[in-house]
Amino acid sequence: MPPQDDVVKARLKALEEVLKIVEYEKPKIIGLGSGSTISLLIDRIANLGLNNLSFVCSSIGSSLRLSSYGFKVLSLESVDQVDLYVDSADEVDPNLDMVKGGGGCLTLEKILAYNSSMRIFVVDYGKLVDRLCLRRPIPLDVIPQAISMVCRKLRSVGFRPEVRLTDRGKFGPLISDIGGVLVDLYIDGGVDNPGKLDMMLKSIPGIVETGLFIGYADLLVVGYPDKVIFKRGKT
């Protein structure tokens, strides 16, 4: 893994380019994901004084951070279209397919991304991988009542499902922003065909959504300590 100082420098360089796009596009409504990179982006937007922007968020954390700066935050159910969506990712492969959901907001993130006119994902260079799931599991959002059956089915096809547990404040499974149980799916050797796997997983009753984001990146902004690279998704 890259040194932490280099990671921070890389993310900040990438975010500066994202801010330029935001200022150029002048979106009326911006959708935001969650996580440390998005928190940094919110801080930078606040520093620029772009108070005329409206936001809709995938997580309570992002909404609270925006509200603390005085930004207008819309409820997801009040919005039917998003002009620009910005998010990060846990892993990105050469086809720009991604694993997301380390923060537990994968379902709402995917809903926002799907309904956005333009989707930008920003990562540091350490998130680039040759194959998904070699280092990170695939998060799954699972209906609580189906958790035992879903995990049994996943084990029967050779996967290793692990219910994600809280690490402080409350004992038991970690609950997603839509009230599901988060399950981390480990796959030995990584994933050969992420799109096929995504469809297979969602065919299992009880799995609401997966952390596989296939074909969602219109633009990937990759930060390095000394440069930024842009990768465009397939149209």
Protein backbone atom coordinates (compact mmCIF):
# COMPACT_ATOMS: atom_id res chain seq x y z
CA MET A 1 0.00 0.00 0.00
CA PRO A 2 1.21 3.56 -0.71
CA PRO A 3 2.55 5.66 2.21
CA GLN A 4 -0.24 7.59 3.94
CA ASP A 5 1.31 11.00 3.21
CA ASP A 6 1.44 10.16 -0.50
CA VAL A 7 -2.18 8.99 -0.40
CA VAL A 8 -3.34 12.29 1.10
CA LYS A 9 -1.34 14.31 -1.44
CA ALA A 10 -2.74 12.21 -4.27
CA ARG A 11 -6.35 12.64 -3.12
CA LEU A 12 -5.97 16.39 -2.72
CA LYS A 13 -4.50 16.76 -6.22
CA ALA A 14 -7.36 14.74 -7.69
CA LEU A 15 -9.96 16.72 -5.77
CA GLU A 16 -8.59 20.01 -7.11
CA GLU A 17 -9.35 18.76 -10.62
CA VAL A 18 -12.83 17.68 -9.58
CA LEU A 19 -13.48 21.15 -8.18
CA LYS A 20 -12.52 22.66 -11.54
CA ILE A 21 -15.12 20.45 -13.21
CA VAL A 22 -17.76 21.47 -10.68
CA GLU A 23 -17.04 25.16 -11.28
CA TYR A 24 -17.13 24.67 -15.06
CA GLU A 25 -20.28 22.52 -15.21
CA LYS A 26 -22.23 24.67 -12.70
CA PRO A 27 -24.60 21.83 -11.74
CA LYS A 28 -27.84 22.73 -9.99
CA ILE A 29 -27.90 19.52 -7.96
CA ILE A 30 -24.81 17.55 -6.98
CA GLY A 31 -25.02 14.00 -5.68
CA LEU A 32 -22.33 12.93 -3.24
CA GLY A 33 -21.22 9.56 -1.98
CA SER A 34 -19.54 8.92 1.34
CA GLY A 35 -16.14 8.34 2.87
CA SER A 36 -12.95 10.23 3.72
CA THR A 37 -12.33 11.44 0.15
CA ILE A 38 -15.82 12.92 -0.11
CA SER A 39 -15.38 14.57 3.29
CA LEU A 40 -12.25 16.27 1.94
CA LEU A 41 -14.20 17.38 -1.12
CA ILE A 42 -16.94 18.92 1.02
CA ASP A 43 -14.33 20.86 2.97
CA ARG A 44 -12.81 22.18 -0.28
CA ILE A 45 -16.22 23.19 -1.68
CA ALA A 46 -16.93 25.09 1.53
CA ASN A 47 -13.59 26.89 1.31
CA LEU A 48 -14.46 28.07 -2.21
CA GLY A 49 -17.70 29.59 -0.95
CA LEU A 50 -19.93 27.84 -3.49
CA ASN A 51 -22.99 28.39 -1.33
CA ASN A 52 -25.46 28.40 -4.24
CA LEU A 53 -25.10 24.66 -4.78
CA SER A 54 -27.69 22.10 -3.68
CA PHE A 55 -26.75 18.56 -2.71
CA VAL A 56 -28.31 15.16 -2.29
CA CYS A 57 -26.31 12.53 -0.41
CA SER A 58 -26.05 8.79 -0.06
CA SER A 59 -25.17 8.94 3.63
CA ILE A 60 -26.15 10.73 6.80
CA GLY A 61 -22.48 11.54 7.38
CA SER A 62 -22.11 13.51 4.15
CA SER A 63 -25.43 15.28 4.74
CA LEU A 64 -24.42 16.35 8.24
CA ARG A 65 -21.03 17.61 7.05
CA LEU A 66 -22.65 19.70 4.31
CA SER A 67 -25.29 21.05 6.69
CA SER A 68 -22.57 22.11 9.14
CA TYR A 69 -21.24 24.42 6.42
CA GLY A 70 -24.70 25.81 5.67
CA PHE A 71 -25.24 24.08 2.33
CA LYS A 72 -28.71 23.16 1.14
CA VAL A 73 -29.16 19.39 1.40
CA LEU A 74 -32.12 17.82 -0.38
CA SER A 75 -33.76 14.56 0.60
CA LEU A 76 -33.22 11.78 -1.91
CA GLU A 77 -36.95 11.18 -2.34
CA SER A 78 -37.46 14.83 -3.38
CA VAL A 79 -35.07 14.54 -6.34
CA ASP A 80 -35.73 12.68 -9.60
CA GLN A 81 -32.55 13.65 -11.44
CA VAL A 82 -29.01 14.63 -10.41
CA ASP A 83 -26.83 16.82 -12.62
CA LEU A 84 -23.45 15.64 -11.35
CA TYR A 85 -22.53 12.76 -9.05
CA VAL A 86 -19.14 12.60 -7.31
CA ASP A 87 -17.91 9.64 -5.32
CA SER A 88 -14.82 7.61 -4.49
CA ALA A 89 -14.19 3.87 -4.77
CA ASP A 90 -12.48 1.10 -2.84
CA GLU A 91 -11.04 -0.62 -5.93
CA VAL A 92 -11.02 0.16 -9.67
CA ASP A 93 -9.98 -2.29 -12.40
CA PRO A 94 -8.70 -1.47 -15.93
CA ASN A 95 -12.28 -1.46 -17.30
CA LEU A 96 -13.26 1.13 -14.66
CA ASP A 97 -15.47 -1.40 -12.92
CA MET A 98 -15.38 -0.76 -9.19
CA VAL A 99 -15.92 -2.15 -5.73
CA LYS A 100 -17.65 0.30 -3.41
CA GLY A 101 -19.48 0.17 -0.11
CA GLY A 102 -16.74 0.16 2.49
CA GLY A 103 -18.75 2.84 4.26
CA GLY A 104 -22.00 0.88 4.07
CA CYS A 105 -23.92 3.19 1.73
CA LEU A 106 -23.69 1.16 -1.48
CA THR A 107 -27.41 0.94 -2.28
CA LEU A 108 -28.10 4.67 -2.06
CA GLU A 109 -24.80 5.42 -3.81
CA LYS A 110 -25.83 3.24 -6.73
CA ILE A 111 -29.29 4.81 -6.91
CA LEU A 112 -27.78 8.29 -7.06
CA ALA A 113 -25.14 7.30 -9.59
CA TYR A 114 -27.68 5.59 -11.84
CA ASN A 115 -29.90 8.68 -11.89
CA SER A 116 -27.14 11.21 -12.55
CA SER A 117 -26.39 12.88 -15.87
CA MET A 118 -22.63 12.76 -15.23
CA ARG A 119 -20.74 10.48 -12.83
CA ILE A 120 -17.23 11.28 -11.62
CA PHE A 121 -15.27 8.95 -9.37
CA VAL A 122 -12.11 10.18 -7.69
CA VAL A 123 -9.45 7.89 -6.22
CA ASP A 124 -5.80 7.84 -5.27
CA TYR A 125 -3.49 5.60 -7.28
CA GLY A 126 -3.49 2.94 -4.56
CA LYS A 127 -7.10 2.05 -5.47
CA LEU A 128 -6.14 0.84 -8.96
CA VAL A 129 -6.04 -2.96 -9.25
CA ASP A 130 -5.59 -5.50 -12.02
CA ARG A 131 -8.55 -7.53 -10.77
CA LEU A 132 -11.34 -6.71 -8.35
CA CYS A 133 -11.55 -8.38 -4.93
CA LEU A 134 -7.96 -9.50 -4.64
CA ARG A 135 -7.53 -7.12 -1.68
CA ARG A 136 -11.05 -6.05 -0.73
CA PRO A 137 -14.31 -7.96 -0.28
CA ILE A 138 -17.53 -7.10 -2.11
CA PRO A 139 -20.02 -5.48 0.27
CA LEU A 140 -23.59 -6.77 0.03
CA ASP A 141 -26.73 -5.11 1.37
CA VAL A 142 -28.91 -7.95 2.65
CA ILE A 143 -32.44 -8.04 4.06
CA PRO A 144 -32.00 -8.92 7.78
CA GLN A 145 -34.53 -11.76 7.77
CA ALA A 146 -32.71 -13.45 4.88
CA ILE A 147 -29.17 -13.24 6.26
CA SER A 148 -28.76 -16.92 7.22
CA MET A 149 -30.19 -18.22 3.96
CA VAL A 150 -28.16 -15.80 1.85
CA CYS A 151 -24.91 -16.69 3.60
CA ARG A 152 -25.64 -20.42 3.26
CA LYS A 153 -26.21 -20.01 -0.49
CA LEU A 154 -23.01 -17.98 -0.91
CA ARG A 155 -20.96 -20.59 0.93
CA SER A 156 -22.47 -23.34 -1.23
CA VAL A 157 -20.97 -21.77 -4.37
CA GLY A 158 -17.52 -21.40 -2.83
CA PHE A 159 -17.58 -17.84 -1.51
CA ARG A 160 -16.74 -16.66 2.01
CA PRO A 161 -19.45 -14.33 3.36
CA GLU A 162 -18.79 -12.50 6.62
CA VAL A 163 -21.39 -10.38 8.38
CA ARG A 164 -19.75 -7.03 9.05
CA LEU A 165 -19.79 -6.23 12.78
CA THR A 166 -19.72 -2.87 14.51
CA ASP A 167 -16.44 -2.06 16.23
CA ARG A 168 -17.77 0.28 18.90
CA GLY A 169 -20.92 1.67 20.46
CA LYS A 170 -23.24 -1.22 19.60
CA PHE A 171 -22.75 -4.96 19.47
CA GLY A 172 -23.92 -6.92 16.47
CA PRO A 173 -24.10 -6.53 12.69
CA LEU A 174 -23.44 -3.22 10.97
CA ILE A 175 -26.63 -1.83 9.46
CA SER A 176 -26.65 -0.03 6.11
CA ASP A 177 -28.32 3.33 5.48
CA ILE A 178 -31.41 1.52 4.17
CA GLY A 179 -31.64 -0.85 7.14
CA GLY A 180 -30.00 -3.90 5.61
CA VAL A 181 -27.30 -6.08 7.13
CA LEU A 182 -23.89 -5.58 5.54
CA VAL A 183 -22.13 -8.74 4.42
CA ASP A 184 -18.57 -8.69 3.09
CA LEU A 185 -18.03 -11.29 0.39
CA TYR A 186 -14.51 -12.68 0.00
CA ILE A 187 -13.58 -14.42 -3.25
CA ASP A 188 -10.28 -16.25 -3.48
CA GLY A 189 -8.33 -15.22 -6.57
CA GLY A 190 -10.46 -12.17 -7.32
CA VAL A 191 -13.20 -11.74 -9.93
CA ASP A 192 -12.83 -12.67 -13.61
CA ASN A 193 -16.15 -11.24 -14.79
CA PRO A 194 -17.55 -8.59 -12.42
CA GLY A 195 -20.68 -7.97 -14.50
CA LYS A 196 -21.64 -11.65 -14.55
CA LEU A 197 -20.98 -11.96 -10.82
CA ASP A 198 -23.09 -8.89 -10.08
CA MET A 199 -26.07 -10.39 -11.91
CA MET A 200 -25.63 -13.74 -10.19
CA LEU A 201 -25.49 -12.20 -6.73
CA LYS A 202 -28.59 -10.06 -7.32
CA SER A 203 -30.47 -13.15 -8.48
CA ILE A 204 -30.29 -14.48 -4.90
CA PRO A 205 -33.44 -13.40 -3.04
CA GLY A 206 -32.52 -11.33 0.00
CA ILE A 207 -29.56 -9.52 -1.57
CA VAL A 208 -30.83 -6.00 -2.18
CA GLU A 209 -27.69 -4.62 -3.81
CA THR A 210 -24.01 -5.34 -4.33
CA GLY A 211 -20.93 -3.16 -4.09
CA LEU A 212 -19.97 -4.00 -7.68
CA PHE A 213 -20.37 -0.85 -9.76
CA ILE A 214 -20.26 -1.94 -13.39
CA GLY A 215 -20.10 0.74 -16.07
CA TYR A 216 -20.95 3.62 -13.75
CA ALA A 217 -17.82 5.75 -14.19
CA ASP A 218 -18.17 8.39 -16.89
CA LEU A 219 -14.88 9.85 -15.68
CA LEU A 220 -12.30 8.49 -13.27
CA VAL A 221 -9.92 11.03 -11.73
CA VAL A 222 -6.81 9.31 -10.38
CA GLY A 223 -4.54 11.28 -8.08
CA TYR A 224 -0.81 10.71 -7.68
CA PRO A 225 1.47 12.73 -5.40
CA ASP A 226 2.81 14.65 -8.41
CA LYS A 227 0.11 14.36 -11.11
CA VAL A 228 -3.48 13.54 -12.01
CA ILE A 229 -4.66 11.11 -14.69
CA PHE A 230 -8.12 11.12 -16.26
CA LYS A 231 -9.73 7.92 -17.53
CA ARG A 232 -13.02 8.04 -19.44
CA GLY A 233 -15.58 5.28 -19.22
CA LYS A 234 -16.98 3.48 -22.22
CA THR A 235 -19.93 5.22 -23.84
